[in-house]
Every structure is written in C-alpha cells, then in structure tokens.
PDB file of all heavy atoms in Angstrom:
ATOM      1  N   GLN A   1      10.291  16.265   3.728  1.00  0.00           N
ATOM      2  CA  GLN A   1      10.550  15.357   2.599  1.00  0.00           C
ATOM      3  C   GLN A   1       9.324  15.013   1.968  1.00  0.00           C
ATOM      4  O   GLN A   1       8.293  14.555   2.594  1.00  0.00           O
ATOM      5  CB  GLN A   1      11.377  14.099   3.034  1.00  0.00           C
ATOM      6  CG  GLN A   1      11.833  13.212   1.938  1.00  0.00           C
ATOM      7  CD  GLN A   1      12.539  12.050   2.365  1.00  0.00           C
ATOM      8  OE1 GLN A   1      12.776  11.779   3.536  1.00  0.00           O
ATOM      9  NE2 GLN A   1      13.061  11.176   1.437  1.00  0.00           N
ATOM     10  N   LEU A   2       9.212  15.162   0.564  1.00  0.00           N
ATOM     11  CA  LEU A   2       8.037  14.860  -0.173  1.00  0.00           C
ATOM     12  C   LEU A   2       8.008  13.418  -0.643  1.00  0.00           C
ATOM     13  O   LEU A   2       8.895  13.028  -1.414  1.00  0.00           O
ATOM     14  CB  LEU A   2       7.863  15.857  -1.278  1.00  0.00           C
ATOM     15  CG  LEU A   2       8.042  17.237  -0.940  1.00  0.00           C
ATOM     16  CD1 LEU A   2       8.006  18.159  -2.230  1.00  0.00           C
ATOM     17  CD2 LEU A   2       6.950  17.757   0.059  1.00  0.00           C
ATOM     18  N   GLN A   3       7.187  12.628  -0.242  1.00  0.00           N
ATOM     19  CA  GLN A   3       7.124  11.305  -0.607  1.00  0.00           C
ATOM     20  C   GLN A   3       5.804  10.558  -0.347  1.00  0.00           C
ATOM     21  O   GLN A   3       5.025  11.069   0.487  1.00  0.00           O
ATOM     22  CB  GLN A   3       8.233  10.425  -0.002  1.00  0.00           C
ATOM     23  CG  GLN A   3       8.102  10.291   1.512  1.00  0.00           C
ATOM     24  CD  GLN A   3       9.186   9.396   2.130  1.00  0.00           C
ATOM     25  OE1 GLN A   3      10.110   8.986   1.501  1.00  0.00           O
ATOM     26  NE2 GLN A   3       9.072   9.142   3.430  1.00  0.00           N
ATOM     27  N   PHE A   4       5.581   9.412  -1.006  1.00  0.00           N
ATOM     28  CA  PHE A   4       4.584   8.492  -0.684  1.00  0.00           C
ATOM     29  C   PHE A   4       5.061   7.292   0.024  1.00  0.00           C
ATOM     30  O   PHE A   4       6.264   6.902  -0.412  1.00  0.00           O
ATOM     31  CB  PHE A   4       3.731   8.097  -1.877  1.00  0.00           C
ATOM     32  CG  PHE A   4       2.780   9.240  -2.362  1.00  0.00           C
ATOM     33  CD1 PHE A   4       3.038   9.895  -3.576  1.00  0.00           C
ATOM     34  CD2 PHE A   4       1.577   9.332  -1.743  1.00  0.00           C
ATOM     35  CE1 PHE A   4       2.148  10.780  -4.024  1.00  0.00           C
ATOM     36  CE2 PHE A   4       0.686  10.333  -2.200  1.00  0.00           C
ATOM     37  CZ  PHE A   4       0.968  11.035  -3.325  1.00  0.00           C
ATOM     38  N   VAL A   5       4.392   6.705   0.794  1.00  0.00           N
ATOM     39  CA  VAL A   5       4.747   5.366   1.391  1.00  0.00           C
ATOM     40  C   VAL A   5       3.611   4.440   1.193  1.00  0.00           C
ATOM     41  O   VAL A   5       2.474   4.598   1.677  1.00  0.00           O
ATOM     42  CB  VAL A   5       5.091   5.521   2.945  1.00  0.00           C
ATOM     43  CG1 VAL A   5       5.358   4.098   3.508  1.00  0.00           C
ATOM     44  CG2 VAL A   5       6.164   6.453   3.134  1.00  0.00           C
ATOM     45  N   GLU A   6       3.899   3.389   0.364  1.00  0.00           N
ATOM     46  CA  GLU A   6       2.934   2.277   0.124  1.00  0.00           C
ATOM     47  C   GLU A   6       3.005   1.232   1.212  1.00  0.00           C
ATOM     48  O   GLU A   6       4.130   0.861   1.693  1.00  0.00           O
ATOM     49  CB  GLU A   6       3.090   1.708  -1.232  1.00  0.00           C
ATOM     50  CG  GLU A   6       3.051   2.675  -2.383  1.00  0.00           C
ATOM     51  CD  GLU A   6       4.373   3.250  -2.776  1.00  0.00           C
ATOM     52  OE1 GLU A   6       5.315   3.135  -1.959  1.00  0.00           O
ATOM     53  OE2 GLU A   6       4.487   3.646  -3.955  1.00  0.00           O
ATOM     54  N   SER A   7       1.811   0.570   1.463  1.00  0.00           N
ATOM     55  CA  SER A   7       1.867  -0.545   2.389  1.00  0.00           C
ATOM     56  C   SER A   7       0.639  -1.431   2.106  1.00  0.00           C
ATOM     57  O   SER A   7      -0.228  -0.991   1.273  1.00  0.00           O
ATOM     58  CB  SER A   7       1.769   0.032   3.861  1.00  0.00           C
ATOM     59  OG  SER A   7       0.542   0.704   4.067  1.00  0.00           O
ATOM     60  N   GLY A   8       0.607  -2.545   2.695  1.00  0.00           N
ATOM     61  CA  GLY A   8      -0.649  -3.453   2.524  1.00  0.00           C
ATOM     62  C   GLY A   8      -0.417  -4.577   1.624  1.00  0.00           C
ATOM     63  O   GLY A   8      -1.300  -5.423   1.456  1.00  0.00           O
ATOM     64  N   GLY A   9       0.862  -4.660   1.004  1.00  0.00           N
ATOM     65  CA  GLY A   9       1.004  -5.735   0.113  1.00  0.00           C
ATOM     66  C   GLY A   9       1.332  -7.085   0.891  1.00  0.00           C
ATOM     67  O   GLY A   9       1.399  -7.106   2.121  1.00  0.00           O
ATOM     68  N   GLY A  10       1.327  -8.222   0.208  1.00  0.00           N
ATOM     69  CA  GLY A  10       1.570  -9.472   0.768  1.00  0.00           C
ATOM     70  C   GLY A  10       1.393 -10.589  -0.109  1.00  0.00           C
ATOM     71  O   GLY A  10       1.262 -10.447  -1.359  1.00  0.00           O
ATOM     72  N   LEU A  11       1.229 -11.795   0.405  1.00  0.00           N
ATOM     73  CA  LEU A  11       1.046 -13.033  -0.295  1.00  0.00           C
ATOM     74  C   LEU A  11      -0.447 -13.397  -0.111  1.00  0.00           C
ATOM     75  O   LEU A  11      -0.847 -13.539   1.120  1.00  0.00           O
ATOM     76  CB  LEU A  11       1.975 -14.120   0.157  1.00  0.00           C
ATOM     77  CG  LEU A  11       1.809 -15.500  -0.385  1.00  0.00           C
ATOM     78  CD1 LEU A  11       1.967 -15.569  -1.882  1.00  0.00           C
ATOM     79  CD2 LEU A  11       2.669 -16.518   0.338  1.00  0.00           C
ATOM     80  N   VAL A  12      -1.089 -13.750  -1.151  1.00  0.00           N
ATOM     81  CA  VAL A  12      -2.506 -14.097  -1.112  1.00  0.00           C
ATOM     82  C   VAL A  12      -2.789 -15.219  -2.192  1.00  0.00           C
ATOM     83  O   VAL A  12      -2.108 -15.191  -3.198  1.00  0.00           O
ATOM     84  CB  VAL A  12      -3.417 -12.824  -1.318  1.00  0.00           C
ATOM     85  CG1 VAL A  12      -3.226 -12.259  -2.723  1.00  0.00           C
ATOM     86  CG2 VAL A  12      -4.855 -13.208  -0.950  1.00  0.00           C
ATOM     87  N   GLN A  13      -3.748 -15.972  -1.889  1.00  0.00           N
ATOM     88  CA  GLN A  13      -4.134 -17.011  -2.952  1.00  0.00           C
ATOM     89  C   GLN A  13      -5.045 -16.368  -3.962  1.00  0.00           C
ATOM     90  O   GLN A  13      -5.694 -15.365  -3.776  1.00  0.00           O
ATOM     91  CB  GLN A  13      -4.908 -18.169  -2.201  1.00  0.00           C
ATOM     92  CG  GLN A  13      -3.960 -19.002  -1.305  1.00  0.00           C
ATOM     93  CD  GLN A  13      -4.741 -20.135  -0.683  1.00  0.00           C
ATOM     94  OE1 GLN A  13      -5.870 -20.266  -0.636  1.00  0.00           O
ATOM     95  NE2 GLN A  13      -3.933 -21.250  -0.397  1.00  0.00           N
ATOM     96  N   THR A  14      -5.119 -17.099  -5.122  1.00  0.00           N
ATOM     97  CA  THR A  14      -6.041 -16.660  -6.157  1.00  0.00           C
ATOM     98  C   THR A  14      -7.449 -16.497  -5.674  1.00  0.00           C
ATOM     99  O   THR A  14      -7.968 -17.454  -4.965  1.00  0.00           O
ATOM    100  CB  THR A  14      -6.017 -17.751  -7.322  1.00  0.00           C
ATOM    101  OG1 THR A  14      -4.658 -17.767  -7.896  1.00  0.00           O
ATOM    102  CG2 THR A  14      -7.080 -17.317  -8.386  1.00  0.00           C
ATOM    103  N   GLY A  15      -8.114 -15.364  -6.032  1.00  0.00           N
ATOM    104  CA  GLY A  15      -9.433 -15.142  -5.519  1.00  0.00           C
ATOM    105  C   GLY A  15      -9.471 -14.290  -4.230  1.00  0.00           C
ATOM    106  O   GLY A  15     -10.535 -13.886  -3.877  1.00  0.00           O
ATOM    107  N   GLY A  16      -8.298 -14.183  -3.620  1.00  0.00           N
ATOM    108  CA  GLY A  16      -8.265 -13.398  -2.351  1.00  0.00           C
ATOM    109  C   GLY A  16      -8.278 -11.797  -2.640  1.00  0.00           C
ATOM    110  O   GLY A  16      -8.355 -11.336  -3.776  1.00  0.00           O
ATOM    111  N   SER A  17      -8.114 -11.110  -1.490  1.00  0.00           N
ATOM    112  CA  SER A  17      -8.191  -9.690  -1.481  1.00  0.00           C
ATOM    113  C   SER A  17      -6.993  -9.064  -0.682  1.00  0.00           C
ATOM    114  O   SER A  17      -6.589  -9.735   0.201  1.00  0.00           O
ATOM    115  CB  SER A  17      -9.546  -9.173  -0.912  1.00  0.00           C
ATOM    116  OG  SER A  17     -10.611  -9.674  -1.649  1.00  0.00           O
ATOM    117  N   LEU A  18      -6.667  -7.924  -1.156  1.00  0.00           N
ATOM    118  CA  LEU A  18      -5.751  -7.032  -0.392  1.00  0.00           C
ATOM    119  C   LEU A  18      -6.198  -5.614  -0.527  1.00  0.00           C
ATOM    120  O   LEU A  18      -6.795  -5.264  -1.529  1.00  0.00           O
ATOM    121  CB  LEU A  18      -4.311  -7.264  -0.964  1.00  0.00           C
ATOM    122  CG  LEU A  18      -3.568  -8.510  -0.615  1.00  0.00           C
ATOM    123  CD1 LEU A  18      -2.257  -8.508  -1.429  1.00  0.00           C
ATOM    124  CD2 LEU A  18      -3.274  -8.543   0.837  1.00  0.00           C
ATOM    125  N   ARG A  19      -5.827  -4.785   0.498  1.00  0.00           N
ATOM    126  CA  ARG A  19      -6.024  -3.387   0.335  1.00  0.00           C
ATOM    127  C   ARG A  19      -4.681  -2.621   0.622  1.00  0.00           C
ATOM    128  O   ARG A  19      -4.091  -2.683   1.629  1.00  0.00           O
ATOM    129  CB  ARG A  19      -7.017  -2.983   1.504  1.00  0.00           C
ATOM    130  CG  ARG A  19      -7.502  -1.446   1.401  1.00  0.00           C
ATOM    131  CD  ARG A  19      -8.159  -0.984   2.607  1.00  0.00           C
ATOM    132  NE  ARG A  19      -8.872   0.214   2.374  1.00  0.00           N
ATOM    133  CZ  ARG A  19      -9.250   1.086   3.429  1.00  0.00           C
ATOM    134  NH1 ARG A  19      -8.882   0.795   4.628  1.00  0.00           N
ATOM    135  NH2 ARG A  19      -9.860   2.228   3.133  1.00  0.00           N
ATOM    136  N   LEU A  20      -4.284  -1.996  -0.449  1.00  0.00           N
ATOM    137  CA  LEU A  20      -3.088  -1.232  -0.533  1.00  0.00           C
ATOM    138  C   LEU A  20      -3.410   0.224   0.033  1.00  0.00           C
ATOM    139  O   LEU A  20      -4.436   0.797  -0.250  1.00  0.00           O
ATOM    140  CB  LEU A  20      -2.439  -1.155  -1.737  1.00  0.00           C
ATOM    141  CG  LEU A  20      -2.106  -2.498  -2.506  1.00  0.00           C
ATOM    142  CD1 LEU A  20      -1.482  -2.313  -3.798  1.00  0.00           C
ATOM    143  CD2 LEU A  20      -1.427  -3.434  -1.508  1.00  0.00           C
ATOM    144  N   SER A  21      -2.381   0.828   0.821  1.00  0.00           N
ATOM    145  CA  SER A  21      -2.566   2.205   1.220  1.00  0.00           C
ATOM    146  C   SER A  21      -1.388   2.964   0.703  1.00  0.00           C
ATOM    147  O   SER A  21      -0.234   2.462   0.445  1.00  0.00           O
ATOM    148  CB  SER A  21      -2.474   2.277   2.725  1.00  0.00           C
ATOM    149  OG  SER A  21      -3.633   1.665   3.347  1.00  0.00           O
ATOM    150  N   CYS A  22      -1.533   4.251   0.459  1.00  0.00           N
ATOM    151  CA  CYS A  22      -0.569   5.148   0.003  1.00  0.00           C
ATOM    152  C   CYS A  22      -0.649   6.404   0.773  1.00  0.00           C
ATOM    153  O   CYS A  22      -1.527   7.252   0.589  1.00  0.00           O
ATOM    154  CB  CYS A  22      -0.845   5.443  -1.607  1.00  0.00           C
ATOM    155  SG  CYS A  22      -0.008   6.737  -2.382  1.00  0.00           S
ATOM    156  N   ALA A  23       0.309   6.558   1.756  1.00  0.00           N
ATOM    157  CA  ALA A  23       0.303   7.648   2.557  1.00  0.00           C
ATOM    158  C   ALA A  23       1.224   8.787   2.187  1.00  0.00           C
ATOM    159  O   ALA A  23       2.434   8.494   1.855  1.00  0.00           O
ATOM    160  CB  ALA A  23       0.642   7.194   4.027  1.00  0.00           C
ATOM    161  N   ALA A  24       0.775   9.953   2.105  1.00  0.00           N
ATOM    162  CA  ALA A  24       1.609  11.149   1.634  1.00  0.00           C
ATOM    163  C   ALA A  24       2.235  11.801   2.846  1.00  0.00           C
ATOM    164  O   ALA A  24       1.617  11.912   3.847  1.00  0.00           O
ATOM    165  CB  ALA A  24       0.728  12.103   0.911  1.00  0.00           C
ATOM    166  N   SER A  25       3.465  12.187   2.594  1.00  0.00           N
ATOM    167  CA  SER A  25       4.235  12.901   3.569  1.00  0.00           C
ATOM    168  C   SER A  25       4.837  14.155   2.942  1.00  0.00           C
ATOM    169  O   SER A  25       5.554  14.089   1.954  1.00  0.00           O
ATOM    170  CB  SER A  25       5.394  11.958   4.137  1.00  0.00           C
ATOM    171  OG  SER A  25       6.282  12.701   4.935  1.00  0.00           O
ATOM    172  N   GLY A  26       4.435  15.346   3.525  1.00  0.00           N
ATOM    173  CA  GLY A  26       4.950  16.550   3.029  1.00  0.00           C
ATOM    174  C   GLY A  26       4.373  16.988   1.649  1.00  0.00           C
ATOM    175  O   GLY A  26       4.904  17.905   1.060  1.00  0.00           O
ATOM    176  N   ILE A  27       3.341  16.345   1.238  1.00  0.00           N
ATOM    177  CA  ILE A  27       2.659  16.629   0.000  1.00  0.00           C
ATOM    178  C   ILE A  27       1.330  17.157   0.241  1.00  0.00           C
ATOM    179  O   ILE A  27       0.551  16.648   1.044  1.00  0.00           O
ATOM    180  CB  ILE A  27       2.583  15.381  -0.814  1.00  0.00           C
ATOM    181  CG1 ILE A  27       3.926  14.716  -1.092  1.00  0.00           C
ATOM    182  CG2 ILE A  27       1.920  15.624  -2.199  1.00  0.00           C
ATOM    183  CD1 ILE A  27       3.943  13.435  -1.697  1.00  0.00           C
TER     184      ILE A  27
END
C-alpha cells in the first residue's frame, strides 16, 4: 500500500516547538 503516515502533532503553547514526521510506506 502506497501511503504516508504523519506523526508528531500535539498541543503546544505559543512560542513552543513541534517536530512533525512523514513516513513513506511502499513509496
């Protein structure tokens, strides 16, 4: 199956940081 799976989101306060990931499967 060809797809991406995103992760790393969440709740953060103004000025904060997050790192999102995008993992490919079958691509």
